[in-house]
């Protein structure tokens, strides 16, 4: 009887070990997917900021050009 109890306990512990390992791997894959989507979002925000600042610099350069022309024409 003692051997049956031991093997039952061993089999259940082994089963729980493999189940816990598979759940752990599933959680890791889930978190990797979330991190990748976050990276994509941060990358998109970064690209949008660069585009905004590029347009702002162009607008500033155009404004300065018009201002200089205005002052030259005023003389």
N, C-alpha and C. Protein backbone atom coordinates (compact mmCIF):
# COMPACT_ATOMS: atom_id res chain seq x y z
N UNK A 1 0.82 -1.19 0.00
CA UNK A 1 0.00 0.00 0.00
C UNK A 1 0.87 1.26 0.00
N UNK A 2 1.97 1.20 0.71
CA UNK A 2 2.85 2.36 0.81
C UNK A 2 3.42 2.74 -0.56
N UNK A 3 3.73 1.77 -1.38
CA UNK A 3 4.30 2.05 -2.71
C UNK A 3 3.27 2.73 -3.62
N UNK A 4 2.02 2.34 -3.51
CA UNK A 4 0.97 2.94 -4.34
C UNK A 4 0.79 4.40 -3.95
N UNK A 5 0.80 4.70 -2.66
CA UNK A 5 0.66 6.08 -2.20
C UNK A 5 1.85 6.92 -2.68
N UNK A 6 3.05 6.34 -2.58
CA UNK A 6 4.25 7.06 -3.00
C UNK A 6 4.20 7.37 -4.50
N UNK A 7 3.87 6.39 -5.31
CA UNK A 7 3.82 6.60 -6.76
C UNK A 7 2.69 7.57 -7.14
N UNK A 8 1.57 7.53 -6.42
CA UNK A 8 0.47 8.46 -6.68
C UNK A 8 0.92 9.89 -6.36
N UNK A 9 1.56 10.06 -5.21
CA UNK A 9 2.07 11.38 -4.82
C UNK A 9 3.12 11.85 -5.82
N UNK A 10 4.04 10.98 -6.21
CA UNK A 10 5.09 11.34 -7.15
C UNK A 10 4.50 11.72 -8.51
N UNK A 11 3.53 10.95 -8.99
CA UNK A 11 2.91 11.24 -10.29
C UNK A 11 2.15 12.56 -10.23
N UNK A 12 1.46 12.83 -9.13
CA UNK A 12 0.71 14.10 -9.05
C UNK A 12 1.67 15.28 -8.96
N UNK A 13 2.76 15.15 -8.20
CA UNK A 13 3.75 16.23 -8.12
C UNK A 13 4.42 16.46 -9.47
N UNK A 14 4.73 15.38 -10.17
CA UNK A 14 5.32 15.50 -11.49
C UNK A 14 4.35 16.18 -12.46
N UNK A 15 3.10 15.79 -12.40
CA UNK A 15 2.08 16.42 -13.25
C UNK A 15 1.93 17.90 -12.95
N UNK A 16 1.90 18.26 -11.66
CA UNK A 16 1.79 19.68 -11.29
C UNK A 16 3.02 20.46 -11.72
N UNK A 17 4.20 19.83 -11.67
CA UNK A 17 5.42 20.49 -12.11
C UNK A 17 5.33 20.84 -13.59
N UNK A 18 4.94 19.87 -14.43
CA UNK A 18 4.85 20.13 -15.86
C UNK A 18 3.73 21.11 -16.20
N UNK A 19 2.62 21.05 -15.47
CA UNK A 19 1.53 22.01 -15.68
C UNK A 19 1.99 23.42 -15.33
N UNK A 20 2.69 23.57 -14.20
CA UNK A 20 3.19 24.88 -13.78
C UNK A 20 4.19 25.41 -14.79
N UNK A 21 5.03 24.55 -15.32
CA UNK A 21 6.02 24.96 -16.33
C UNK A 21 5.33 25.44 -17.61
N UNK A 22 4.30 24.74 -18.04
CA UNK A 22 3.60 25.15 -19.27
C UNK A 22 2.85 26.48 -19.05
N UNK A 23 2.25 26.66 -17.87
CA UNK A 23 1.58 27.93 -17.57
C UNK A 23 2.59 29.08 -17.52
N UNK A 24 3.76 28.80 -16.97
CA UNK A 24 4.80 29.81 -16.91
C UNK A 24 5.22 30.25 -18.31
N UNK A 25 5.41 29.28 -19.19
CA UNK A 25 5.78 29.60 -20.57
C UNK A 25 4.68 30.39 -21.27
N UNK A 26 3.45 30.04 -21.00
CA UNK A 26 2.32 30.76 -21.59
C UNK A 26 2.31 32.21 -21.11
N UNK A 27 2.56 32.41 -19.82
CA UNK A 27 2.60 33.77 -19.28
C UNK A 27 3.75 34.58 -19.90
N UNK A 28 4.89 33.93 -20.09
CA UNK A 28 6.03 34.62 -20.69
C UNK A 28 5.71 35.06 -22.11
N UNK A 29 5.09 34.17 -22.90
CA UNK A 29 4.72 34.52 -24.28
C UNK A 29 3.71 35.67 -24.27
N UNK A 30 2.77 35.64 -23.33
CA UNK A 30 1.76 36.71 -23.23
C UNK A 30 2.42 38.05 -22.93
N UNK A 31 3.35 38.07 -21.98
CA UNK A 31 4.03 39.31 -21.62
C UNK A 31 4.93 39.80 -22.75
N UNK A 32 5.56 38.89 -23.48
CA UNK A 32 6.37 39.29 -24.64
C UNK A 32 5.50 39.98 -25.68
N UNK A 33 4.30 39.45 -25.91
CA UNK A 33 3.40 40.07 -26.88
C UNK A 33 2.99 41.46 -26.42
N UNK A 34 2.71 41.61 -25.14
CA UNK A 34 2.34 42.93 -24.61
C UNK A 34 3.50 43.92 -24.73
N UNK A 35 4.70 43.46 -24.42
CA UNK A 35 5.87 44.34 -24.53
C UNK A 35 6.12 44.75 -25.97
N UNK A 36 5.92 43.84 -26.91
CA UNK A 36 6.13 44.18 -28.32
C UNK A 36 5.11 45.22 -28.77
N UNK A 37 3.86 45.08 -28.34
CA UNK A 37 2.86 46.08 -28.73
C UNK A 37 3.18 47.43 -28.10
N UNK A 38 3.73 47.42 -26.88
CA UNK A 38 4.13 48.67 -26.23
C UNK A 38 5.29 49.30 -26.98
N UNK A 39 6.25 48.47 -27.41
CA UNK A 39 7.38 49.00 -28.18
C UNK A 39 6.90 49.64 -29.48
N UNK A 40 5.94 49.00 -30.13
CA UNK A 40 5.40 49.57 -31.37
C UNK A 40 4.72 50.90 -31.10
N UNK A 41 4.00 50.99 -30.00
CA UNK A 41 3.33 52.25 -29.65
C UNK A 41 4.36 53.35 -29.37
N UNK A 42 5.38 53.03 -28.61
CA UNK A 42 6.43 54.02 -28.31
C UNK A 42 7.14 54.44 -29.59
N UNK A 43 7.40 53.48 -30.48
CA UNK A 43 8.05 53.80 -31.75
C UNK A 43 7.17 54.74 -32.58
N UNK A 44 5.86 54.48 -32.60
CA UNK A 44 4.94 55.34 -33.36
C UNK A 44 4.89 56.74 -32.77
N UNK A 45 4.87 56.84 -31.45
CA UNK A 45 4.87 58.15 -30.79
C UNK A 45 6.17 58.89 -31.12
N UNK A 46 7.28 58.18 -31.07
CA UNK A 46 8.57 58.80 -31.37
C UNK A 46 8.61 59.32 -32.80
N UNK A 47 8.12 58.51 -33.74
CA UNK A 47 8.10 58.95 -35.14
C UNK A 47 7.20 60.17 -35.32
N UNK A 48 6.06 60.19 -34.64
CA UNK A 48 5.15 61.33 -34.74
C UNK A 48 5.79 62.59 -34.16
N UNK A 49 6.52 62.45 -33.05
CA UNK A 49 7.20 63.61 -32.47
C UNK A 49 8.28 64.14 -33.41
N UNK A 50 9.03 63.24 -34.03
CA UNK A 50 10.06 63.67 -34.97
C UNK A 50 9.44 64.41 -36.15
N UNK A 51 8.33 63.88 -36.67
CA UNK A 51 7.65 64.52 -37.79
C UNK A 51 7.12 65.89 -37.38
N UNK A 52 6.55 65.99 -36.19
CA UNK A 52 6.03 67.26 -35.71
C UNK A 52 7.14 68.30 -35.60
N UNK A 53 8.27 67.91 -35.01
CA UNK A 53 9.37 68.86 -34.85
C UNK A 53 9.99 69.23 -36.19
N UNK A 54 10.01 68.29 -37.13
CA UNK A 54 10.52 68.60 -38.47
C UNK A 54 9.62 69.65 -39.13
N UNK A 55 8.29 69.46 -39.02
CA UNK A 55 7.37 70.44 -39.61
C UNK A 55 7.47 71.79 -38.89
N UNK A 56 7.67 71.76 -37.58
CA UNK A 56 7.80 73.00 -36.81
C UNK A 56 9.07 73.75 -37.22
N UNK A 57 10.16 73.05 -37.41
CA UNK A 57 11.40 73.69 -37.84
C UNK A 57 11.24 74.30 -39.23
N UNK A 58 10.56 73.59 -40.13
CA UNK A 58 10.34 74.13 -41.47
C UNK A 58 9.47 75.38 -41.40
N UNK A 59 8.43 75.33 -40.56
CA UNK A 59 7.56 76.49 -40.41
C UNK A 59 8.34 77.67 -39.82
N UNK A 60 9.21 77.39 -38.87
CA UNK A 60 10.02 78.44 -38.26
C UNK A 60 10.98 79.03 -39.29
N UNK A 61 11.59 78.18 -40.11
CA UNK A 61 12.51 78.67 -41.13
C UNK A 61 11.77 79.52 -42.16
N UNK A 62 10.56 79.09 -42.56
CA UNK A 62 9.76 79.88 -43.50
C UNK A 62 9.39 81.23 -42.90
N UNK A 63 9.02 81.24 -41.62
CA UNK A 63 8.66 82.48 -40.95
C UNK A 63 9.86 83.45 -40.91
N UNK A 64 11.03 82.91 -40.58
CA UNK A 64 12.22 83.76 -40.52
C UNK A 64 12.56 84.31 -41.90
N UNK A 65 12.40 83.51 -42.93
CA UNK A 65 12.67 83.97 -44.30
C UNK A 65 11.72 85.10 -44.67
N UNK A 66 10.43 84.93 -44.38
CA UNK A 66 9.46 85.99 -44.68
C UNK A 66 9.73 87.24 -43.87
N UNK A 67 10.13 87.09 -42.62
CA UNK A 67 10.43 88.24 -41.76
C UNK A 67 11.63 89.01 -42.30
N UNK A 68 12.67 88.27 -42.75
CA UNK A 68 13.84 88.93 -43.31
C UNK A 68 13.50 89.66 -44.60
N UNK A 69 12.67 89.05 -45.44
CA UNK A 69 12.24 89.71 -46.67
C UNK A 69 11.42 90.94 -46.37
N UNK A 70 10.59 90.87 -45.35
CA UNK A 70 9.79 92.02 -44.97
C UNK A 70 10.69 93.20 -44.55
N UNK A 71 11.70 92.89 -43.75
CA UNK A 71 12.60 93.95 -43.29
C UNK A 71 13.44 94.51 -44.44
N UNK A 72 13.84 93.66 -45.38
CA UNK A 72 14.61 94.15 -46.53
C UNK A 72 13.76 95.03 -47.42
N UNK A 73 12.50 94.67 -47.61
CA UNK A 73 11.60 95.45 -48.45
C UNK A 73 11.22 96.78 -47.77
N UNK A 74 11.25 96.79 -46.45
CA UNK A 74 10.88 98.00 -45.71
C UNK A 74 11.95 99.08 -45.83
N UNK A 75 13.21 98.69 -46.04
CA UNK A 75 14.30 99.67 -46.13
C UNK A 75 14.25 100.46 -47.37
